[in-house]
């Protein structure tokens, strides 16, 4: 889906509108919005892993933290620095930060499991 959004960014908008101004905006924003979609799958699997092993603390932190600790602050702060583009970059930045945090949590979980 991410590759299709990048490759056909000039055609997607034509499915929904014929307004050239809207089409130009969609072509500009779509690559920004889909920049980090490839990070979503592994993160969902990691949240499901922690849920499966009954680690409620990590599951809640990962599930709720992505919105309240990362996305909302990114959406508020990035536009102050980057203008309108910051709004559209908030989600990819949040996904990247979340991926780094998940990697640390998984590593810590693996070390804890190996020690027991």
PDB file of N, CA and C in Angstrom:
ATOM      1  N   UNK A   1       0.819  -1.186   0.000  1.00  0.00           N
ATOM      2  CA  UNK A   1       0.000   0.000   0.000  1.00  0.00           C
ATOM      3  C   UNK A   1       0.864   1.251   0.000  1.00  0.00           C
ATOM      4  N   UNK A   2       1.942   1.204   0.806  1.00  0.00           N
ATOM      5  CA  UNK A   2       2.821   2.363   0.867  1.00  0.00           C
ATOM      6  C   UNK A   2       3.454   2.633  -0.491  1.00  0.00           C
ATOM      7  N   UNK A   3       3.918   1.596  -1.161  1.00  0.00           N
ATOM      8  CA  UNK A   3       4.527   1.770  -2.486  1.00  0.00           C
ATOM      9  C   UNK A   3       3.510   2.288  -3.490  1.00  0.00           C
ATOM     10  N   UNK A   4       2.303   1.760  -3.438  1.00  0.00           N
ATOM     11  CA  UNK A   4       1.254   2.215  -4.358  1.00  0.00           C
ATOM     12  C   UNK A   4       0.933   3.690  -4.127  1.00  0.00           C
ATOM     13  N   UNK A   5       0.903   4.109  -2.865  1.00  0.00           N
ATOM     14  CA  UNK A   5       0.627   5.515  -2.558  1.00  0.00           C
ATOM     15  C   UNK A   5       1.719   6.414  -3.118  1.00  0.00           C
ATOM     16  N   UNK A   6       2.962   5.956  -3.042  1.00  0.00           N
ATOM     17  CA  UNK A   6       4.064   6.750  -3.580  1.00  0.00           C
ATOM     18  C   UNK A   6       4.030   6.771  -5.106  1.00  0.00           C
ATOM     19  N   UNK A   7       3.838   5.602  -5.711  1.00  0.00           N
ATOM     20  CA  UNK A   7       3.900   5.512  -7.171  1.00  0.00           C
ATOM     21  C   UNK A   7       2.732   6.212  -7.861  1.00  0.00           C
ATOM     22  N   UNK A   8       1.552   6.099  -7.269  1.00  0.00           N
ATOM     23  CA  UNK A   8       0.346   6.626  -7.919  1.00  0.00           C
ATOM     24  C   UNK A   8      -0.228   7.848  -7.198  1.00  0.00           C
ATOM     25  N   UNK A   9       0.621   8.607  -6.530  1.00  0.00           N
ATOM     26  CA  UNK A   9       0.122   9.751  -5.750  1.00  0.00           C
ATOM     27  C   UNK A   9      -0.578  10.785  -6.618  1.00  0.00           C
ATOM     28  N   UNK A  10      -0.227  10.866  -7.874  1.00  0.00           N
ATOM     29  CA  UNK A  10      -0.890  11.823  -8.770  1.00  0.00           C
ATOM     30  C   UNK A  10      -2.214  11.283  -9.321  1.00  0.00           C
ATOM     31  N   UNK A  11      -2.447   9.975  -9.191  1.00  0.00           N
ATOM     32  CA  UNK A  11      -3.675   9.387  -9.714  1.00  0.00           C
ATOM     33  C   UNK A  11      -4.724   9.098  -8.650  1.00  0.00           C
ATOM     34  N   UNK A  12      -4.311   8.861  -7.388  1.00  0.00           N
ATOM     35  CA  UNK A  12      -5.261   8.524  -6.328  1.00  0.00           C
ATOM     36  C   UNK A  12      -6.344   9.579  -6.182  1.00  0.00           C
ATOM     37  N   UNK A  13      -5.929  10.817  -6.194  1.00  0.00           N
ATOM     38  CA  UNK A  13      -6.870  11.900  -5.963  1.00  0.00           C
ATOM     39  C   UNK A  13      -7.919  12.018  -7.061  1.00  0.00           C
ATOM     40  N   UNK A  14      -7.580  11.600  -8.270  1.00  0.00           N
ATOM     41  CA  UNK A  14      -8.529  11.668  -9.382  1.00  0.00           C
ATOM     42  C   UNK A  14      -9.721  10.735  -9.166  1.00  0.00           C
ATOM     43  N   UNK A  15      -9.560   9.740  -8.306  1.00  0.00           N
ATOM     44  CA  UNK A  15     -10.671   8.835  -7.993  1.00  0.00           C
ATOM     45  C   UNK A  15     -11.762   9.538  -7.190  1.00  0.00           C
ATOM     46  N   UNK A  16     -11.387  10.625  -6.494  1.00  0.00           N
ATOM     47  CA  UNK A  16     -12.309  11.271  -5.572  1.00  0.00           C
ATOM     48  C   UNK A  16     -12.706  12.699  -5.947  1.00  0.00           C
ATOM     49  N   UNK A  17     -11.892  13.363  -6.753  1.00  0.00           N
ATOM     50  CA  UNK A  17     -12.184  14.746  -7.094  1.00  0.00           C
ATOM     51  C   UNK A  17     -11.572  15.110  -8.439  1.00  0.00           C
ATOM     52  N   UNK A  18     -12.097  16.154  -9.037  1.00  0.00           N
ATOM     53  CA  UNK A  18     -11.490  16.672 -10.264  1.00  0.00           C
ATOM     54  C   UNK A  18     -10.992  18.106 -10.065  1.00  0.00           C
ATOM     55  N   UNK A  19     -10.965  18.555  -8.826  1.00  0.00           N
ATOM     56  CA  UNK A  19     -10.484  19.889  -8.484  1.00  0.00           C
ATOM     57  C   UNK A  19      -8.947  19.888  -8.506  1.00  0.00           C
ATOM     58  N   UNK A  20      -8.320  20.651  -9.392  1.00  0.00           N
ATOM     59  CA  UNK A  20      -6.863  20.637  -9.507  1.00  0.00           C
ATOM     60  C   UNK A  20      -6.135  21.086  -8.232  1.00  0.00           C
ATOM     61  N   UNK A  21      -6.731  21.990  -7.479  1.00  0.00           N
ATOM     62  CA  UNK A  21      -6.093  22.453  -6.242  1.00  0.00           C
ATOM     63  C   UNK A  21      -6.040  21.326  -5.209  1.00  0.00           C
ATOM     64  N   UNK A  22      -7.141  20.610  -5.057  1.00  0.00           N
ATOM     65  CA  UNK A  22      -7.190  19.482  -4.118  1.00  0.00           C
ATOM     66  C   UNK A  22      -6.238  18.385  -4.583  1.00  0.00           C
ATOM     67  N   UNK A  23      -6.200  18.143  -5.886  1.00  0.00           N
ATOM     68  CA  UNK A  23      -5.319  17.107  -6.423  1.00  0.00           C
ATOM     69  C   UNK A  23      -3.851  17.434  -6.141  1.00  0.00           C
ATOM     70  N   UNK A  24      -3.473  18.683  -6.251  1.00  0.00           N
ATOM     71  CA  UNK A  24      -2.091  19.088  -5.970  1.00  0.00           C
ATOM     72  C   UNK A  24      -1.753  18.910  -4.493  1.00  0.00           C
ATOM     73  N   UNK A  25      -2.700  19.231  -3.630  1.00  0.00           N
ATOM     74  CA  UNK A  25      -2.479  19.076  -2.183  1.00  0.00           C
ATOM     75  C   UNK A  25      -2.337  17.601  -1.818  1.00  0.00           C
ATOM     76  N   UNK A  26      -3.203  16.761  -2.366  1.00  0.00           N
ATOM     77  CA  UNK A  26      -3.134  15.323  -2.079  1.00  0.00           C
ATOM     78  C   UNK A  26      -1.812  14.744  -2.573  1.00  0.00           C
ATOM     79  N   UNK A  27      -1.378  15.125  -3.752  1.00  0.00           N
ATOM     80  CA  UNK A  27      -0.113  14.627  -4.300  1.00  0.00           C
ATOM     81  C   UNK A  27       1.072  15.044  -3.422  1.00  0.00           C
ATOM     82  N   UNK A  28       0.969  16.183  -2.769  1.00  0.00           N
ATOM     83  CA  UNK A  28       2.037  16.652  -1.888  1.00  0.00           C
ATOM     84  C   UNK A  28       1.992  15.965  -0.529  1.00  0.00           C
ATOM     85  N   UNK A  29       0.798  15.739  -0.004  1.00  0.00           N
ATOM     86  CA  UNK A  29       0.647  15.215   1.353  1.00  0.00           C
ATOM     87  C   UNK A  29       0.758  13.681   1.415  1.00  0.00           C
ATOM     88  N   UNK A  30       0.284  12.974   0.426  1.00  0.00           N
ATOM     89  CA  UNK A  30       0.231  11.505   0.469  1.00  0.00           C
ATOM     90  C   UNK A  30       1.583  10.854   0.775  1.00  0.00           C
ATOM     91  N   UNK A  31       2.675  11.265   0.134  1.00  0.00           N
ATOM     92  CA  UNK A  31       3.961  10.650   0.495  1.00  0.00           C
ATOM     93  C   UNK A  31       4.370  10.904   1.943  1.00  0.00           C
ATOM     94  N   UNK A  32       4.034  12.071   2.477  1.00  0.00           N
ATOM     95  CA  UNK A  32       4.360  12.364   3.878  1.00  0.00           C
ATOM     96  C   UNK A  32       3.566  11.468   4.821  1.00  0.00           C
ATOM     97  N   UNK A  33       2.288  11.296   4.522  1.00  0.00           N
ATOM     98  CA  UNK A  33       1.414  10.498   5.396  1.00  0.00           C
ATOM     99  C   UNK A  33       1.779   9.011   5.383  1.00  0.00           C
ATOM    100  N   UNK A  34       2.281   8.522   4.272  1.00  0.00           N
ATOM    101  CA  UNK A  34       2.574   7.094   4.161  1.00  0.00           C
ATOM    102  C   UNK A  34       4.051   6.775   4.381  1.00  0.00           C
ATOM    103  N   UNK A  35       4.847   7.757   4.752  1.00  0.00           N
ATOM    104  CA  UNK A  35       6.296   7.581   4.846  1.00  0.00           C
ATOM    105  C   UNK A  35       6.710   6.462   5.812  1.00  0.00           C
ATOM    106  N   UNK A  36       5.989   6.232   6.854  1.00  0.00           N
ATOM    107  CA  UNK A  36       6.399   5.250   7.858  1.00  0.00           C
ATOM    108  C   UNK A  36       5.397   4.111   8.033  1.00  0.00           C
ATOM    109  N   UNK A  37       4.519   3.898   7.086  1.00  0.00           N
ATOM    110  CA  UNK A  37       3.539   2.815   7.216  1.00  0.00           C
ATOM    111  C   UNK A  37       4.194   1.446   7.361  1.00  0.00           C
ATOM    112  N   UNK A  38       5.379   1.265   6.788  1.00  0.00           N
ATOM    113  CA  UNK A  38       6.042  -0.032   6.882  1.00  0.00           C
ATOM    114  C   UNK A  38       6.413  -0.384   8.321  1.00  0.00           C
ATOM    115  N   UNK A  39       6.427   0.591   9.210  1.00  0.00           N
ATOM    116  CA  UNK A  39       6.754   0.346  10.618  1.00  0.00           C
ATOM    117  C   UNK A  39       5.556  -0.120  11.431  1.00  0.00           C
ATOM    118  N   UNK A  40       4.365   0.031  10.896  1.00  0.00           N
ATOM    119  CA  UNK A  40       3.155  -0.269  11.665  1.00  0.00           C
ATOM    120  C   UNK A  40       2.987  -1.760  11.932  1.00  0.00           C
ATOM    121  N   UNK A  41       3.209  -2.621  10.957  1.00  0.00           N
ATOM    122  CA  UNK A  41       3.008  -4.067  11.112  1.00  0.00           C
ATOM    123  C   UNK A  41       3.807  -4.674  12.250  1.00  0.00           C
ATOM    124  N   UNK A  42       5.129  -4.483  12.277  1.00  0.00           N
ATOM    125  CA  UNK A  42       5.913  -5.047  13.386  1.00  0.00           C
ATOM    126  C   UNK A  42       5.482  -4.512  14.748  1.00  0.00           C
ATOM    127  N   UNK A  43       5.043  -3.274  14.808  1.00  0.00           N
ATOM    128  CA  UNK A  43       4.621  -2.704  16.079  1.00  0.00           C
ATOM    129  C   UNK A  43       3.328  -3.339  16.566  1.00  0.00           C
ATOM    130  N   UNK A  44       2.413  -3.577  15.667  1.00  0.00           N
ATOM    131  CA  UNK A  44       1.161  -4.240  16.042  1.00  0.00           C
ATOM    132  C   UNK A  44       1.460  -5.654  16.538  1.00  0.00           C
ATOM    133  N   UNK A  45       2.368  -6.351  15.856  1.00  0.00           N
ATOM    134  CA  UNK A  45       2.725  -7.706  16.295  1.00  0.00           C
ATOM    135  C   UNK A  45       3.366  -7.697  17.676  1.00  0.00           C
ATOM    136  N   UNK A  46       4.184  -6.681  17.964  1.00  0.00           N
ATOM    137  CA  UNK A  46       4.825  -6.610  19.268  1.00  0.00           C
ATOM    138  C   UNK A  46       3.808  -6.342  20.376  1.00  0.00           C
ATOM    139  N   UNK A  47       2.849  -5.468  20.121  1.00  0.00           N
ATOM    140  CA  UNK A  47       1.790  -5.222  21.097  1.00  0.00           C
ATOM    141  C   UNK A  47       1.005  -6.521  21.337  1.00  0.00           C
ATOM    142  N   UNK A  48       0.708  -7.249  20.281  1.00  0.00           N
ATOM    143  CA  UNK A  48      -0.009  -8.523  20.426  1.00  0.00           C
ATOM    144  C   UNK A  48       0.823  -9.548  21.188  1.00  0.00           C
ATOM    145  N   UNK A  49       2.137  -9.529  20.985  1.00  0.00           N
ATOM    146  CA  UNK A  49       3.024 -10.432  21.723  1.00  0.00           C
ATOM    147  C   UNK A  49       2.933 -10.156  23.225  1.00  0.00           C
ATOM    148  N   UNK A  50       3.064  -8.884  23.605  1.00  0.00           N
ATOM    149  CA  UNK A  50       2.995  -8.548  25.036  1.00  0.00           C
ATOM    150  C   UNK A  50       1.621  -8.868  25.612  1.00  0.00           C
ATOM    151  N   UNK A  51       0.587  -8.707  24.804  1.00  0.00           N
ATOM    152  CA  UNK A  51      -0.751  -9.068  25.274  1.00  0.00           C
ATOM    153  C   UNK A  51      -0.855 -10.579  25.463  1.00  0.00           C
ATOM    154  N   UNK A  52      -0.276 -11.338  24.552  1.00  0.00           N
ATOM    155  CA  UNK A  52      -0.351 -12.805  24.628  1.00  0.00           C
ATOM    156  C   UNK A  52       0.387 -13.351  25.840  1.00  0.00           C
ATOM    157  N   UNK A  53       1.469 -12.702  26.241  1.00  0.00           N
ATOM    158  CA  UNK A  53       2.203 -13.185  27.423  1.00  0.00           C
ATOM    159  C   UNK A  53       1.702 -12.527  28.711  1.00  0.00           C
ATOM    160  N   UNK A  54       0.566 -11.863  28.624  1.00  0.00           N
ATOM    161  CA  UNK A  54      -0.104 -11.227  29.768  1.00  0.00           C
ATOM    162  C   UNK A  54       0.736 -10.142  30.429  1.00  0.00           C
ATOM    163  N   UNK A  55       1.441  -9.388  29.616  1.00  0.00           N
ATOM    164  CA  UNK A  55       2.209  -8.249  30.119  1.00  0.00           C
ATOM    165  C   UNK A  55       1.373  -6.992  29.903  1.00  0.00           C
ATOM    166  N   UNK A  56       0.419  -6.784  30.806  1.00  0.00           N
ATOM    167  CA  UNK A  56      -0.551  -5.688  30.656  1.00  0.00           C
ATOM    168  C   UNK A  56       0.108  -4.322  30.698  1.00  0.00           C
ATOM    169  N   UNK A  57       1.146  -4.168  31.511  1.00  0.00           N
ATOM    170  CA  UNK A  57       1.810  -2.876  31.637  1.00  0.00           C
ATOM    171  C   UNK A  57       2.420  -2.441  30.302  1.00  0.00           C
ATOM    172  N   UNK A  58       3.166  -3.320  29.675  1.00  0.00           N
ATOM    173  CA  UNK A  58       3.782  -2.974  28.387  1.00  0.00           C
ATOM    174  C   UNK A  58       2.739  -2.832  27.292  1.00  0.00           C
ATOM    175  N   UNK A  59       1.722  -3.681  27.322  1.00  0.00           N
ATOM    176  CA  UNK A  59       0.666  -3.588  26.315  1.00  0.00           C
ATOM    177  C   UNK A  59      -0.023  -2.235  26.403  1.00  0.00           C
ATOM    178  N   UNK A  60      -0.366  -1.810  27.600  1.00  0.00           N
ATOM    179  CA  UNK A  60      -1.027  -0.510  27.778  1.00  0.00           C
ATOM    180  C   UNK A  60      -0.099   0.626  27.394  1.00  0.00           C
ATOM    181  N   UNK A  61       1.162   0.532  27.799  1.00  0.00           N
ATOM    182  CA  UNK A  61       2.118   1.585  27.473  1.00  0.00           C
ATOM    183  C   UNK A  61       2.273   1.736  25.964  1.00  0.00           C
ATOM    184  N   UNK A  62       2.388   0.631  25.265  1.00  0.00           N
ATOM    185  CA  UNK A  62       2.540   0.686  23.814  1.00  0.00           C
ATOM    186  C   UNK A  62       1.256   1.109  23.124  1.00  0.00           C
ATOM    187  N   UNK A  63       0.143   0.596  23.590  1.00  0.00           N
ATOM    188  CA  UNK A  63      -1.137   0.908  22.955  1.00  0.00           C
ATOM    189  C   UNK A  63      -1.594   2.335  23.183  1.00  0.00           C
ATOM    190  N   UNK A  64      -1.520   2.789  24.413  1.00  0.00           N
ATOM    191  CA  UNK A  64      -1.967   4.143  24.734  1.00  0.00           C
ATOM    192  C   UNK A  64      -0.870   5.183  24.544  1.00  0.00           C
ATOM    193  N   UNK A  65       0.357   4.762  24.784  1.00  0.00           N
ATOM    194  CA  UNK A  65       1.472   5.689  24.684  1.00  0.00           C
ATOM    195  C   UNK A  65       1.683   6.235  23.292  1.00  0.00           C
ATOM    196  N   UNK A  66       1.385   5.433  22.299  1.00  0.00           N
ATOM    197  CA  UNK A  66       1.611   5.911  20.936  1.00  0.00           C
ATOM    198  C   UNK A  66       0.770   7.144  20.627  1.00  0.00           C
ATOM    199  N   UNK A  67      -0.429   7.208  21.167  1.00  0.00           N
ATOM    200  CA  UNK A  67      -1.278   8.369  20.914  1.00  0.00           C
ATOM    201  C   UNK A  67      -0.991   9.496  21.884  1.00  0.00           C
ATOM    202  N   UNK A  68      -1.033   9.198  23.165  1.00  0.00           N
ATOM    203  CA  UNK A  68      -0.963  10.254  24.164  1.00  0.00           C
ATOM    204  C   UNK A  68       0.449  10.745  24.444  1.00  0.00           C
ATOM    205  N   UNK A  69       1.440   9.890  24.302  1.00  0.00           N
ATOM    206  CA  UNK A  69       2.810  10.312  24.581  1.00  0.00           C
ATOM    207  C   UNK A  69       3.558  10.770  23.333  1.00  0.00           C
ATOM    208  N   UNK A  70       3.146  10.287  22.159  1.00  0.00           N
ATOM    209  CA  UNK A  70       3.899  10.600  20.942  1.00  0.00           C
ATOM    210  C   UNK A  70       3.109  11.397  19.914  1.00  0.00           C
ATOM    211  N   UNK A  71       1.943  10.913  19.534  1.00  0.00           N
ATOM    212  CA  UNK A  71       1.226  11.539  18.420  1.00  0.00           C
ATOM    213  C   UNK A  71       0.693  12.928  18.766  1.00  0.00           C
ATOM    214  N   UNK A  72       0.019  13.068  19.884  1.00  0.00           N
ATOM    215  CA  UNK A  72      -0.529  14.382  20.241  1.00  0.00           C
ATOM    216  C   UNK A  72       0.555  15.447  20.421  1.00  0.00           C
ATOM    217  N   UNK A  73       1.634  15.152  21.160  1.00  0.00           N
ATOM    218  CA  UNK A  73       2.696  16.164  21.248  1.00  0.00           C
ATOM    219  C   UNK A  73       3.344  16.468  19.892  1.00  0.00           C
ATOM    220  N   UNK A  74       3.548  15.450  19.072  1.00  0.00           N
ATOM    221  CA  UNK A  74       4.126  15.677  17.736  1.00  0.00           C
ATOM    222  C   UNK A  74       3.222  16.561  16.894  1.00  0.00           C
ATOM    223  N   UNK A  75       1.923  16.298  16.962  1.00  0.00           N
ATOM    224  CA  UNK A  75       0.970  17.095  16.187  1.00  0.00           C
ATOM    225  C   UNK A  75       0.935  18.537  16.681  1.00  0.00           C
ATOM    226  N   UNK A  76       1.159  18.747  17.952  1.00  0.00           N
ATOM    227  CA  UNK A  76       1.147  20.107  18.498  1.00  0.00           C
ATOM    228  C   UNK A  76       2.465  20.842  18.262  1.00  0.00           C
ATOM    229  N   UNK A  77       3.586  20.136  18.368  1.00  0.00           N
ATOM    230  CA  UNK A  77       4.888  20.803  18.334  1.00  0.00           C
ATOM    231  C   UNK A  77       5.498  20.927  16.933  1.00  0.00           C
ATOM    232  N   UNK A  78       5.371  19.909  16.111  1.00  0.00           N
ATOM    233  CA  UNK A  78       5.999  19.975  14.787  1.00  0.00           C
ATOM    234  C   UNK A  78       5.495  21.128  13.920  1.00  0.00           C
ATOM    235  N   UNK A  79       4.192  21.446  13.921  1.00  0.00           N
ATOM    236  CA  UNK A  79       3.749  22.595  13.122  1.00  0.00           C
ATOM    237  C   UNK A  79       4.369  23.918  13.572  1.00  0.00           C
ATOM    238  N   UNK A  80       4.748  24.013  14.842  1.00  0.00           N
ATOM    239  CA  UNK A  80       5.390  25.240  15.306  1.00  0.00           C
ATOM    240  C   UNK A  80       6.746  25.446  14.629  1.00  0.00           C
ATOM    241  N   UNK A  81       7.392  24.330  14.306  1.00  0.00           N
ATOM    242  CA  UNK A  81       8.711  24.391  13.699  1.00  0.00           C
ATOM    243  C   UNK A  81       8.636  24.316  12.172  1.00  0.00           C
ATOM    244  N   UNK A  82       7.780  23.427  11.654  1.00  0.00           N
ATOM    245  CA  UNK A  82       7.748  23.144  10.225  1.00  0.00           C
ATOM    246  C   UNK A  82       6.537  23.706   9.492  1.00  0.00           C
ATOM    247  N   UNK A  83       5.660  24.389  10.196  1.00  0.00           N
ATOM    248  CA  UNK A  83       4.453  24.906   9.558  1.00  0.00           C
ATOM    249  C   UNK A  83       3.473  23.782   9.266  1.00  0.00           C
ATOM    250  N   UNK A  84       2.704  23.948   8.209  1.00  0.00           N
ATOM    251  CA  UNK A  84       1.687  22.951   7.851  1.00  0.00           C
ATOM    252  C   UNK A  84       2.285  21.568   7.620  1.00  0.00           C
ATOM    253  N   UNK A  85       3.466  21.504   7.056  1.00  0.00           N
ATOM    254  CA  UNK A  85       4.118  20.211   6.802  1.00  0.00           C
ATOM    255  C   UNK A  85       4.302  19.429   8.092  1.00  0.00           C
ATOM    256  N   UNK A  86       4.499  20.114   9.211  1.00  0.00           N
ATOM    257  CA  UNK A  86       4.652  19.452  10.498  1.00  0.00           C
ATOM    258  C   UNK A  86       3.436  18.638  10.900  1.00  0.00           C
ATOM    259  N   UNK A  87       2.260  19.105  10.505  1.00  0.00           N
ATOM    260  CA  UNK A  87       1.033  18.355  10.796  1.00  0.00           C
ATOM    261  C   UNK A  87       1.091  16.998  10.112  1.00  0.00           C
ATOM    262  N   UNK A  88       1.527  16.991   8.856  1.00  0.00           N
ATOM    263  CA  UNK A  88       1.535  15.756   8.077  1.00  0.00           C
ATOM    264  C   UNK A  88       2.706  14.863   8.430  1.00  0.00           C
ATOM    265  N   UNK A  89       3.757  15.429   8.990  1.00  0.00           N
ATOM    266  CA  UNK A  89       4.912  14.623   9.405  1.00  0.00           C
ATOM    267  C   UNK A  89       4.769  14.067  10.816  1.00  0.00           C
ATOM    268  N   UNK A  90       3.791  14.516  11.561  1.00  0.00           N
ATOM    269  CA  UNK A  90       3.616  14.061  12.944  1.00  0.00           C
ATOM    270  C   UNK A  90       3.426  12.548  13.009  1.00  0.00           C
ATOM    271  N   UNK A  91       2.594  11.998  12.173  1.00  0.00           N
ATOM    272  CA  UNK A  91       2.324  10.550  12.196  1.00  0.00           C
ATOM    273  C   UNK A  91       3.569   9.735  11.838  1.00  0.00           C
ATOM    274  N   UNK A  92       4.270  10.037  10.735  1.00  0.00           N
ATOM    275  CA  UNK A  92       5.495   9.272  10.458  1.00  0.00           C
ATOM    276  C   UNK A  92       6.546   9.403  11.565  1.00  0.00           C
ATOM    277  N   UNK A  93       6.686  10.584  12.139  1.00  0.00           N
ATOM    278  CA  UNK A  93       7.639  10.762  13.248  1.00  0.00           C
ATOM    279  C   UNK A  93       7.225   9.933  14.455  1.00  0.00           C
ATOM    280  N   UNK A  94       5.935   9.907  14.735  1.00  0.00           N
ATOM    281  CA  UNK A  94       5.419   9.117  15.855  1.00  0.00           C
ATOM    282  C   UNK A  94       5.668   7.637  15.608  1.00  0.00           C
ATOM    283  N   UNK A  95       5.469   7.164  14.382  1.00  0.00           N
ATOM    284  CA  UNK A  95       5.706   5.752  14.071  1.00  0.00           C
ATOM    285  C   UNK A  95       7.174   5.394  14.223  1.00  0.00           C
ATOM    286  N   UNK A  96       8.051   6.289  13.814  1.00  0.00           N
ATOM    287  CA  UNK A  96       9.491   6.038  13.933  1.00  0.00           C
ATOM    288  C   UNK A  96       9.893   5.974  15.405  1.00  0.00           C
ATOM    289  N   UNK A  97       9.452   6.928  16.201  1.00  0.00           N
ATOM    290  CA  UNK A  97       9.780   6.930  17.620  1.00  0.00           C
ATOM    291  C   UNK A  97       9.213   5.697  18.312  1.00  0.00           C
ATOM    292  N   UNK A  98       8.022   5.322  17.914  1.00  0.00           N
ATOM    293  CA  UNK A  98       7.391   4.139  18.501  1.00  0.00           C
ATOM    294  C   UNK A  98       8.181   2.884  18.159  1.00  0.00           C
ATOM    295  N   UNK A  99       8.685   2.800  16.932  1.00  0.00           N
ATOM    296  CA  UNK A  99       9.483   1.643  16.525  1.00  0.00           C
ATOM    297  C   UNK A  99      10.750   1.528  17.367  1.00  0.00           C
ATOM    298  N   UNK A 100      11.390   2.653  17.640  1.00  0.00           N
ATOM    299  CA  UNK A 100      12.594   2.627  18.471  1.00  0.00           C
ATOM    300  C   UNK A 100      12.260   2.195  19.902  1.00  0.00           C
ATOM    301  N   UNK A 101      11.155   2.696  20.439  1.00  0.00           N
ATOM    302  CA  UNK A 101      10.738   2.309  21.784  1.00  0.00           C
ATOM    303  C   UNK A 101      10.361   0.844  21.874  1.00  0.00           C
ATOM    304  N   UNK A 102       9.678   0.341  20.866  1.00  0.00           N
ATOM    305  CA  UNK A 102       9.287  -1.071  20.858  1.00  0.00           C
ATOM    306  C   UNK A 102      10.520  -1.964  20.803  1.00  0.00           C
ATOM    307  N   UNK A 103      11.501  -1.538  20.047  1.00  0.00           N
ATOM    308  CA  UNK A 103      12.726  -2.330  19.937  1.00  0.00           C
ATOM    309  C   UNK A 103      13.393  -2.456  21.311  1.00  0.00           C
ATOM    310  N   UNK A 104      13.463  -1.341  22.038  1.00  0.00           N
ATOM    311  CA  UNK A 104      14.048  -1.377  23.383  1.00  0.00           C
ATOM    312  C   UNK A 104      13.232  -2.261  24.325  1.00  0.00           C
ATOM    313  N   UNK A 105      11.897  -2.141  24.265  1.00  0.00           N
ATOM    314  CA  UNK A 105      11.038  -2.938  25.152  1.00  0.00           C
ATOM    315  C   UNK A 105      11.155  -4.425  24.844  1.00  0.00           C
ATOM    316  N   UNK A 106      11.225  -4.780  23.556  1.00  0.00           N
ATOM    317  CA  UNK A 106      11.337  -6.189  23.179  1.00  0.00           C
ATOM    318  C   UNK A 106      12.669  -6.749  23.658  1.00  0.00           C
ATOM    319  N   UNK A 107      13.726  -5.962  23.491  1.00  0.00           N
ATOM    320  CA  UNK A 107      15.029  -6.406  23.942  1.00  0.00           C
ATOM    321  C   UNK A 107      15.039  -6.630  25.452  1.00  0.00           C
ATOM    322  N   UNK A 108      14.451  -5.707  26.192  1.00  0.00           N
ATOM    323  CA  UNK A 108      14.375  -5.849  27.648  1.00  0.00           C
ATOM    324  C   UNK A 108      13.543  -7.065  28.028  1.00  0.00           C
ATOM    325  N   UNK A 109      12.466  -7.303  27.285  1.00  0.00           N
ATOM    326  CA  UNK A 109      11.613  -8.460  27.542  1.00  0.00           C
ATOM    327  C   UNK A 109      12.357  -9.758  27.271  1.00  0.00           C
ATOM    328  N   UNK A 110      13.151  -9.794  26.215  1.00  0.00           N
ATOM    329  CA  UNK A 110      13.921 -10.985  25.870  1.00  0.00           C
ATOM    330  C   UNK A 110      14.973 -11.275  26.922  1.00  0.00           C
ATOM    331  N   UNK A 111      15.629 -10.212  27.426  1.00  0.00           N
ATOM    332  CA  UNK A 111      16.638 -10.391  28.458  1.00  0.00           C
ATOM    333  C   UNK A 111      16.021 -10.903  29.753  1.00  0.00           C
ATOM    334  N   UNK A 112      14.833 -10.380  30.103  1.00  0.00           N
ATOM    335  CA  UNK A 112      14.133 -10.810  31.313  1.00  0.00           C
ATOM    336  C   UNK A 112      13.712 -12.283  31.190  1.00  0.00           C
ATOM    337  N   UNK A 113      13.207 -12.656  30.014  1.00  0.00           N
ATOM    338  CA  UNK A 113      12.773 -14.041  29.804  1.00  0.00           C
ATOM    339  C   UNK A 113      13.972 -14.995  29.848  1.00  0.00           C
ATOM    340  N   UNK A 114      15.117 -14.584  29.334  1.00  0.00           N
ATOM    341  CA  UNK A 114      16.305 -15.425  29.322  1.00  0.00           C
ATOM    342  C   UNK A 114      16.856 -15.614  30.731  1.00  0.00           C
ATOM    343  N   UNK A 115      16.692 -14.609  31.582  1.00  0.00           N
ATOM    344  CA  UNK A 115      17.196 -14.685  32.945  1.00  0.00           C
ATOM    345  C   UNK A 115      16.368 -15.606  33.831  1.00  0.00           C
ATOM    346  N   UNK A 116      15.096 -15.835  33.460  1.00  0.00           N
ATOM    347  CA  UNK A 116      14.245 -16.675  34.324  1.00  0.00           C
ATOM    348  C   UNK A 116      14.291 -18.123  33.933  1.00  0.00           C
TER     349      UNK A 116
END
